[in-house]
């Protein structure tokens, strides 16, 4: 799916359709954690704080474990 940003005051907004929100178990009131590696954007619905903490810890572990590999891939 390709999306475009929508002007929202001095900012830009990304509209997420209802079927995608339902797939994520989210509602328009759900908070999302925004994670980026500088090239990609990941939106994580905050449904359970313990899951979010576990995800963040796992991502940090992966980053440390595969740091050299990621650096090599970034050079290409």
PDB file of N, CA and C in Angstrom:
ATOM      1  N   UNK A   1       0.846  -1.166   0.000  1.00  0.00           N
ATOM      2  CA  UNK A   1       0.000   0.000   0.000  1.00  0.00           C
ATOM      3  C   UNK A   1       0.897   1.236   0.000  1.00  0.00           C
ATOM      4  N   UNK A   2       0.602   2.173  -0.841  1.00  0.00           N
ATOM      5  CA  UNK A   2       1.343   3.423  -0.895  1.00  0.00           C
ATOM      6  C   UNK A   2       0.436   4.524  -0.380  1.00  0.00           C
ATOM      7  N   UNK A   3       0.966   5.313   0.552  1.00  0.00           N
ATOM      8  CA  UNK A   3       0.200   6.401   1.155  1.00  0.00           C
ATOM      9  C   UNK A   3       0.921   7.715   0.893  1.00  0.00           C
ATOM     10  N   UNK A   4       0.180   8.799   0.878  1.00  0.00           N
ATOM     11  CA  UNK A   4       0.780  10.123   0.782  1.00  0.00           C
ATOM     12  C   UNK A   4       0.399  10.909   2.033  1.00  0.00           C
ATOM     13  N   UNK A   5       1.245  11.853   2.372  1.00  0.00           N
ATOM     14  CA  UNK A   5       0.982  12.677   3.539  1.00  0.00           C
ATOM     15  C   UNK A   5      -0.048  13.744   3.195  1.00  0.00           C
ATOM     16  N   UNK A   6      -0.796  14.167   4.210  1.00  0.00           N
ATOM     17  CA  UNK A   6      -1.808  15.200   4.069  1.00  0.00           C
ATOM     18  C   UNK A   6      -1.384  16.409   4.889  1.00  0.00           C
ATOM     19  N   UNK A   7      -1.520  17.599   4.340  1.00  0.00           N
ATOM     20  CA  UNK A   7      -1.183  18.821   5.060  1.00  0.00           C
ATOM     21  C   UNK A   7      -2.132  18.974   6.253  1.00  0.00           C
ATOM     22  N   UNK A   8      -1.550  19.275   7.417  1.00  0.00           N
ATOM     23  CA  UNK A   8      -2.341  19.441   8.638  1.00  0.00           C
ATOM     24  C   UNK A   8      -1.722  20.601   9.413  1.00  0.00           C
ATOM     25  N   UNK A   9      -2.179  21.829   9.140  1.00  0.00           N
ATOM     26  CA  UNK A   9      -1.576  23.014   9.743  1.00  0.00           C
ATOM     27  C   UNK A   9      -0.150  23.167   9.239  1.00  0.00           C
ATOM     28  N   UNK A  10       0.806  23.294  10.171  1.00  0.00           N
ATOM     29  CA  UNK A  10       2.216  23.393   9.797  1.00  0.00           C
ATOM     30  C   UNK A  10       2.888  22.030   9.749  1.00  0.00           C
ATOM     31  N   UNK A  11       2.118  20.980   9.891  1.00  0.00           N
ATOM     32  CA  UNK A  11       2.651  19.620   9.913  1.00  0.00           C
ATOM     33  C   UNK A  11       2.069  18.815   8.766  1.00  0.00           C
ATOM     34  N   UNK A  12       2.471  17.553   8.719  1.00  0.00           N
ATOM     35  CA  UNK A  12       1.910  16.602   7.757  1.00  0.00           C
ATOM     36  C   UNK A  12       1.317  15.444   8.538  1.00  0.00           C
ATOM     37  N   UNK A  13       0.261  14.864   8.002  1.00  0.00           N
ATOM     38  CA  UNK A  13      -0.429  13.770   8.679  1.00  0.00           C
ATOM     39  C   UNK A  13      -0.516  12.565   7.752  1.00  0.00           C
ATOM     40  N   UNK A  14      -0.530  11.399   8.352  1.00  0.00           N
ATOM     41  CA  UNK A  14      -0.720  10.157   7.614  1.00  0.00           C
ATOM     42  C   UNK A  14      -2.065   9.587   8.039  1.00  0.00           C
ATOM     43  N   UNK A  15      -2.975   9.443   7.112  1.00  0.00           N
ATOM     44  CA  UNK A  15      -4.304   8.930   7.414  1.00  0.00           C
ATOM     45  C   UNK A  15      -4.256   7.405   7.398  1.00  0.00           C
ATOM     46  N   UNK A  16      -4.732   6.807   8.483  1.00  0.00           N
ATOM     47  CA  UNK A  16      -4.773   5.342   8.599  1.00  0.00           C
ATOM     48  C   UNK A  16      -6.237   4.925   8.538  1.00  0.00           C
ATOM     49  N   UNK A  17      -6.582   4.156   7.519  1.00  0.00           N
ATOM     50  CA  UNK A  17      -7.974   3.756   7.324  1.00  0.00           C
ATOM     51  C   UNK A  17      -8.435   2.769   8.397  1.00  0.00           C
ATOM     52  N   UNK A  18      -9.727   2.743   8.593  1.00  0.00           N
ATOM     53  CA  UNK A  18     -10.340   1.899   9.615  1.00  0.00           C
ATOM     54  C   UNK A  18      -9.955   0.428   9.516  1.00  0.00           C
ATOM     55  N   UNK A  19      -9.927  -0.206   8.315  1.00  0.00           N
ATOM     56  CA  UNK A  19      -9.549  -1.624   8.263  1.00  0.00           C
ATOM     57  C   UNK A  19      -8.149  -1.891   8.824  1.00  0.00           C
ATOM     58  N   UNK A  20      -7.231  -0.955   8.604  1.00  0.00           N
ATOM     59  CA  UNK A  20      -5.879  -1.147   9.137  1.00  0.00           C
ATOM     60  C   UNK A  20      -5.892  -0.982  10.648  1.00  0.00           C
ATOM     61  N   UNK A  21      -6.626   0.020  11.145  1.00  0.00           N
ATOM     62  CA  UNK A  21      -6.744   0.187  12.598  1.00  0.00           C
ATOM     63  C   UNK A  21      -7.337  -1.066  13.236  1.00  0.00           C
ATOM     64  N   UNK A  22      -8.367  -1.621  12.607  1.00  0.00           N
ATOM     65  CA  UNK A  22      -8.992  -2.827  13.142  1.00  0.00           C
ATOM     66  C   UNK A  22      -8.015  -3.998  13.135  1.00  0.00           C
ATOM     67  N   UNK A  23      -7.226  -4.114  12.086  1.00  0.00           N
ATOM     68  CA  UNK A  23      -6.231  -5.174  12.002  1.00  0.00           C
ATOM     69  C   UNK A  23      -5.222  -5.062  13.148  1.00  0.00           C
ATOM     70  N   UNK A  24      -4.867  -3.840  13.513  1.00  0.00           N
ATOM     71  CA  UNK A  24      -3.914  -3.600  14.598  1.00  0.00           C
ATOM     72  C   UNK A  24      -4.563  -3.641  15.980  1.00  0.00           C
ATOM     73  N   UNK A  25      -5.885  -3.702  16.005  1.00  0.00           N
ATOM     74  CA  UNK A  25      -6.585  -3.665  17.289  1.00  0.00           C
ATOM     75  C   UNK A  25      -6.558  -2.269  17.885  1.00  0.00           C
ATOM     76  N   UNK A  26      -6.458  -1.255  17.018  1.00  0.00           N
ATOM     77  CA  UNK A  26      -6.359   0.131  17.462  1.00  0.00           C
ATOM     78  C   UNK A  26      -7.630   0.893  17.125  1.00  0.00           C
ATOM     79  N   UNK A  27      -7.781   2.032  17.764  1.00  0.00           N
ATOM     80  CA  UNK A  27      -8.897   2.938  17.499  1.00  0.00           C
ATOM     81  C   UNK A  27      -8.299   4.323  17.234  1.00  0.00           C
ATOM     82  N   UNK A  28      -9.109   5.288  16.818  1.00  0.00           N
ATOM     83  CA  UNK A  28      -8.573   6.642  16.636  1.00  0.00           C
ATOM     84  C   UNK A  28      -7.990   7.245  17.920  1.00  0.00           C
ATOM     85  N   UNK A  29      -8.355   6.706  19.070  1.00  0.00           N
ATOM     86  CA  UNK A  29      -7.845   7.214  20.349  1.00  0.00           C
ATOM     87  C   UNK A  29      -6.563   6.512  20.800  1.00  0.00           C
ATOM     88  N   UNK A  30      -6.150   5.464  20.105  1.00  0.00           N
ATOM     89  CA  UNK A  30      -4.959   4.698  20.482  1.00  0.00           C
ATOM     90  C   UNK A  30      -3.699   5.523  20.281  1.00  0.00           C
ATOM     91  N   UNK A  31      -2.810   5.491  21.263  1.00  0.00           N
ATOM     92  CA  UNK A  31      -1.497   6.123  21.113  1.00  0.00           C
ATOM     93  C   UNK A  31      -0.581   5.173  20.349  1.00  0.00           C
ATOM     94  N   UNK A  32       0.346   5.742  19.601  1.00  0.00           N
ATOM     95  CA  UNK A  32       1.301   4.952  18.842  1.00  0.00           C
ATOM     96  C   UNK A  32       2.711   5.378  19.202  1.00  0.00           C
ATOM     97  N   UNK A  33       3.589   4.410  19.344  1.00  0.00           N
ATOM     98  CA  UNK A  33       4.999   4.708  19.481  1.00  0.00           C
ATOM     99  C   UNK A  33       5.558   4.805  18.067  1.00  0.00           C
ATOM    100  N   UNK A  34       6.373   5.822  17.811  1.00  0.00           N
ATOM    101  CA  UNK A  34       6.963   6.026  16.495  1.00  0.00           C
ATOM    102  C   UNK A  34       8.449   5.703  16.604  1.00  0.00           C
ATOM    103  N   UNK A  35       8.899   4.751  15.783  1.00  0.00           N
ATOM    104  CA  UNK A  35      10.296   4.318  15.785  1.00  0.00           C
ATOM    105  C   UNK A  35      10.840   4.513  14.378  1.00  0.00           C
ATOM    106  N   UNK A  36      12.079   4.974  14.280  1.00  0.00           N
ATOM    107  CA  UNK A  36      12.697   5.131  12.974  1.00  0.00           C
ATOM    108  C   UNK A  36      14.176   4.767  13.037  1.00  0.00           C
ATOM    109  N   UNK A  37      14.679   4.305  11.917  1.00  0.00           N
ATOM    110  CA  UNK A  37      16.110   4.053  11.786  1.00  0.00           C
ATOM    111  C   UNK A  37      16.726   5.102  10.869  1.00  0.00           C
ATOM    112  N   UNK A  38      15.981   6.135  10.555  1.00  0.00           N
ATOM    113  CA  UNK A  38      16.441   7.180   9.658  1.00  0.00           C
ATOM    114  C   UNK A  38      15.985   6.974   8.226  1.00  0.00           C
ATOM    115  N   UNK A  39      15.517   5.771   7.920  1.00  0.00           N
ATOM    116  CA  UNK A  39      15.039   5.475   6.558  1.00  0.00           C
ATOM    117  C   UNK A  39      13.606   4.958   6.559  1.00  0.00           C
ATOM    118  N   UNK A  40      13.224   4.273   7.621  1.00  0.00           N
ATOM    119  CA  UNK A  40      11.892   3.687   7.701  1.00  0.00           C
ATOM    120  C   UNK A  40      11.195   4.181   8.958  1.00  0.00           C
ATOM    121  N   UNK A  41       9.882   4.175   8.911  1.00  0.00           N
ATOM    122  CA  UNK A  41       9.068   4.606  10.033  1.00  0.00           C
ATOM    123  C   UNK A  41       8.206   3.424  10.462  1.00  0.00           C
ATOM    124  N   UNK A  42       8.212   3.129  11.747  1.00  0.00           N
ATOM    125  CA  UNK A  42       7.396   2.039  12.280  1.00  0.00           C
ATOM    126  C   UNK A  42       6.454   2.629  13.312  1.00  0.00           C
ATOM    127  N   UNK A  43       5.164   2.359  13.155  1.00  0.00           N
ATOM    128  CA  UNK A  43       4.158   2.804  14.116  1.00  0.00           C
ATOM    129  C   UNK A  43       3.704   1.599  14.923  1.00  0.00           C
ATOM    130  N   UNK A  44       3.829   1.692  16.235  1.00  0.00           N
ATOM    131  CA  UNK A  44       3.472   0.577  17.105  1.00  0.00           C
ATOM    132  C   UNK A  44       2.338   1.020  18.015  1.00  0.00           C
ATOM    133  N   UNK A  45       1.155   0.415  17.868  1.00  0.00           N
ATOM    134  CA  UNK A  45       0.061   0.809  18.753  1.00  0.00           C
ATOM    135  C   UNK A  45       0.375   0.420  20.195  1.00  0.00           C
ATOM    136  N   UNK A  46       0.105   1.319  21.121  1.00  0.00           N
ATOM    137  CA  UNK A  46       0.362   1.050  22.528  1.00  0.00           C
ATOM    138  C   UNK A  46      -0.928   0.450  23.097  1.00  0.00           C
ATOM    139  N   UNK A  47      -0.978  -0.861  23.074  1.00  0.00           N
ATOM    140  CA  UNK A  47      -2.140  -1.576  23.592  1.00  0.00           C
ATOM    141  C   UNK A  47      -1.818  -2.160  24.967  1.00  0.00           C
ATOM    142  N   UNK A  48      -0.555  -2.480  25.171  1.00  0.00           N
ATOM    143  CA  UNK A  48      -0.104  -3.083  26.419  1.00  0.00           C
ATOM    144  C   UNK A  48       1.325  -2.596  26.652  1.00  0.00           C
ATOM    145  N   UNK A  49       1.530  -1.812  27.695  1.00  0.00           N
ATOM    146  CA  UNK A  49       2.846  -1.224  27.970  1.00  0.00           C
ATOM    147  C   UNK A  49       3.943  -2.275  28.082  1.00  0.00           C
ATOM    148  N   UNK A  50       3.633  -3.447  28.632  1.00  0.00           N
ATOM    149  CA  UNK A  50       4.665  -4.476  28.792  1.00  0.00           C
ATOM    150  C   UNK A  50       5.123  -4.999  27.434  1.00  0.00           C
ATOM    151  N   UNK A  51       4.210  -5.094  26.465  1.00  0.00           N
ATOM    152  CA  UNK A  51       4.587  -5.532  25.119  1.00  0.00           C
ATOM    153  C   UNK A  51       5.475  -4.488  24.455  1.00  0.00           C
ATOM    154  N   UNK A  52       5.160  -3.223  24.658  1.00  0.00           N
ATOM    155  CA  UNK A  52       5.969  -2.153  24.069  1.00  0.00           C
ATOM    156  C   UNK A  52       7.376  -2.173  24.645  1.00  0.00           C
ATOM    157  N   UNK A  53       7.490  -2.347  25.941  1.00  0.00           N
ATOM    158  CA  UNK A  53       8.807  -2.405  26.583  1.00  0.00           C
ATOM    159  C   UNK A  53       9.589  -3.617  26.080  1.00  0.00           C
ATOM    160  N   UNK A  54       8.913  -4.739  25.934  1.00  0.00           N
ATOM    161  CA  UNK A  54       9.572  -5.954  25.439  1.00  0.00           C
ATOM    162  C   UNK A  54      10.052  -5.745  23.998  1.00  0.00           C
ATOM    163  N   UNK A  55       9.222  -5.118  23.166  1.00  0.00           N
ATOM    164  CA  UNK A  55       9.596  -4.847  21.780  1.00  0.00           C
ATOM    165  C   UNK A  55      10.822  -3.947  21.732  1.00  0.00           C
ATOM    166  N   UNK A  56      10.813  -2.864  22.516  1.00  0.00           N
ATOM    167  CA  UNK A  56      11.931  -1.926  22.523  1.00  0.00           C
ATOM    168  C   UNK A  56      13.226  -2.620  22.962  1.00  0.00           C
ATOM    169  N   UNK A  57      13.139  -3.452  23.995  1.00  0.00           N
ATOM    170  CA  UNK A  57      14.304  -4.174  24.491  1.00  0.00           C
ATOM    171  C   UNK A  57      14.833  -5.130  23.414  1.00  0.00           C
ATOM    172  N   UNK A  58      13.942  -5.800  22.715  1.00  0.00           N
ATOM    173  CA  UNK A  58      14.333  -6.722  21.652  1.00  0.00           C
ATOM    174  C   UNK A  58      15.011  -5.977  20.510  1.00  0.00           C
ATOM    175  N   UNK A  59      14.468  -4.814  20.121  1.00  0.00           N
ATOM    176  CA  UNK A  59      15.063  -4.025  19.044  1.00  0.00           C
ATOM    177  C   UNK A  59      16.459  -3.543  19.424  1.00  0.00           C
ATOM    178  N   UNK A  60      16.640  -3.134  20.667  1.00  0.00           N
ATOM    179  CA  UNK A  60      17.959  -2.701  21.127  1.00  0.00           C
ATOM    180  C   UNK A  60      18.945  -3.867  21.093  1.00  0.00           C
ATOM    181  N   UNK A  61      18.489  -5.038  21.502  1.00  0.00           N
ATOM    182  CA  UNK A  61      19.339  -6.229  21.506  1.00  0.00           C
ATOM    183  C   UNK A  61      19.768  -6.597  20.086  1.00  0.00           C
ATOM    184  N   UNK A  62      18.831  -6.538  19.162  1.00  0.00           N
ATOM    185  CA  UNK A  62      19.133  -6.847  17.760  1.00  0.00           C
ATOM    186  C   UNK A  62      20.133  -5.831  17.209  1.00  0.00           C
ATOM    187  N   UNK A  63      19.921  -4.556  17.543  1.00  0.00           N
ATOM    188  CA  UNK A  63      20.831  -3.515  17.080  1.00  0.00           C
ATOM    189  C   UNK A  63      22.255  -3.741  17.563  1.00  0.00           C
ATOM    190  N   UNK A  64      22.404  -4.147  18.808  1.00  0.00           N
ATOM    191  CA  UNK A  64      23.739  -4.409  19.363  1.00  0.00           C
ATOM    192  C   UNK A  64      24.341  -5.669  18.748  1.00  0.00           C
ATOM    193  N   UNK A  65      23.537  -6.705  18.646  1.00  0.00           N
ATOM    194  CA  UNK A  65      24.031  -7.998  18.175  1.00  0.00           C
ATOM    195  C   UNK A  65      24.485  -7.946  16.716  1.00  0.00           C
ATOM    196  N   UNK A  66      23.743  -7.230  15.882  1.00  0.00           N
ATOM    197  CA  UNK A  66      24.024  -7.207  14.445  1.00  0.00           C
ATOM    198  C   UNK A  66      24.561  -5.858  13.974  1.00  0.00           C
ATOM    199  N   UNK A  67      25.146  -5.096  14.876  1.00  0.00           N
ATOM    200  CA  UNK A  67      25.632  -3.757  14.556  1.00  0.00           C
ATOM    201  C   UNK A  67      26.563  -3.752  13.350  1.00  0.00           C
ATOM    202  N   UNK A  68      27.554  -4.615  13.355  1.00  0.00           N
ATOM    203  CA  UNK A  68      28.518  -4.653  12.252  1.00  0.00           C
ATOM    204  C   UNK A  68      27.842  -5.003  10.932  1.00  0.00           C
ATOM    205  N   UNK A  69      26.923  -5.937  10.970  1.00  0.00           N
ATOM    206  CA  UNK A  69      26.203  -6.319   9.748  1.00  0.00           C
ATOM    207  C   UNK A  69      25.382  -5.153   9.211  1.00  0.00           C
ATOM    208  N   UNK A  70      24.695  -4.445  10.114  1.00  0.00           N
ATOM    209  CA  UNK A  70      23.898  -3.291   9.700  1.00  0.00           C
ATOM    210  C   UNK A  70      24.785  -2.199   9.112  1.00  0.00           C
ATOM    211  N   UNK A  71      25.955  -1.988   9.712  1.00  0.00           N
ATOM    212  CA  UNK A  71      26.884  -0.986   9.191  1.00  0.00           C
ATOM    213  C   UNK A  71      27.363  -1.357   7.792  1.00  0.00           C
ATOM    214  N   UNK A  72      27.657  -2.629   7.578  1.00  0.00           N
ATOM    215  CA  UNK A  72      28.079  -3.089   6.248  1.00  0.00           C
ATOM    216  C   UNK A  72      26.967  -2.922   5.223  1.00  0.00           C
ATOM    217  N   UNK A  73      25.759  -3.261   5.612  1.00  0.00           N
ATOM    218  CA  UNK A  73      24.618  -3.100   4.686  1.00  0.00           C
ATOM    219  C   UNK A  73      24.386  -1.637   4.351  1.00  0.00           C
ATOM    220  N   UNK A  74      24.589  -0.761   5.317  1.00  0.00           N
ATOM    221  CA  UNK A  74      24.370   0.662   5.096  1.00  0.00           C
ATOM    222  C   UNK A  74      25.370   1.234   4.102  1.00  0.00           C
ATOM    223  N   UNK A  75      26.548   0.627   3.983  1.00  0.00           N
ATOM    224  CA  UNK A  75      27.567   1.107   3.054  1.00  0.00           C
ATOM    225  C   UNK A  75      27.185   0.822   1.606  1.00  0.00           C
ATOM    226  N   UNK A  76      26.333  -0.154   1.370  1.00  0.00           N
ATOM    227  CA  UNK A  76      25.982  -0.582   0.010  1.00  0.00           C
ATOM    228  C   UNK A  76      24.902   0.239  -0.600  1.00  0.00           C
TER     229      UNK A  76
END
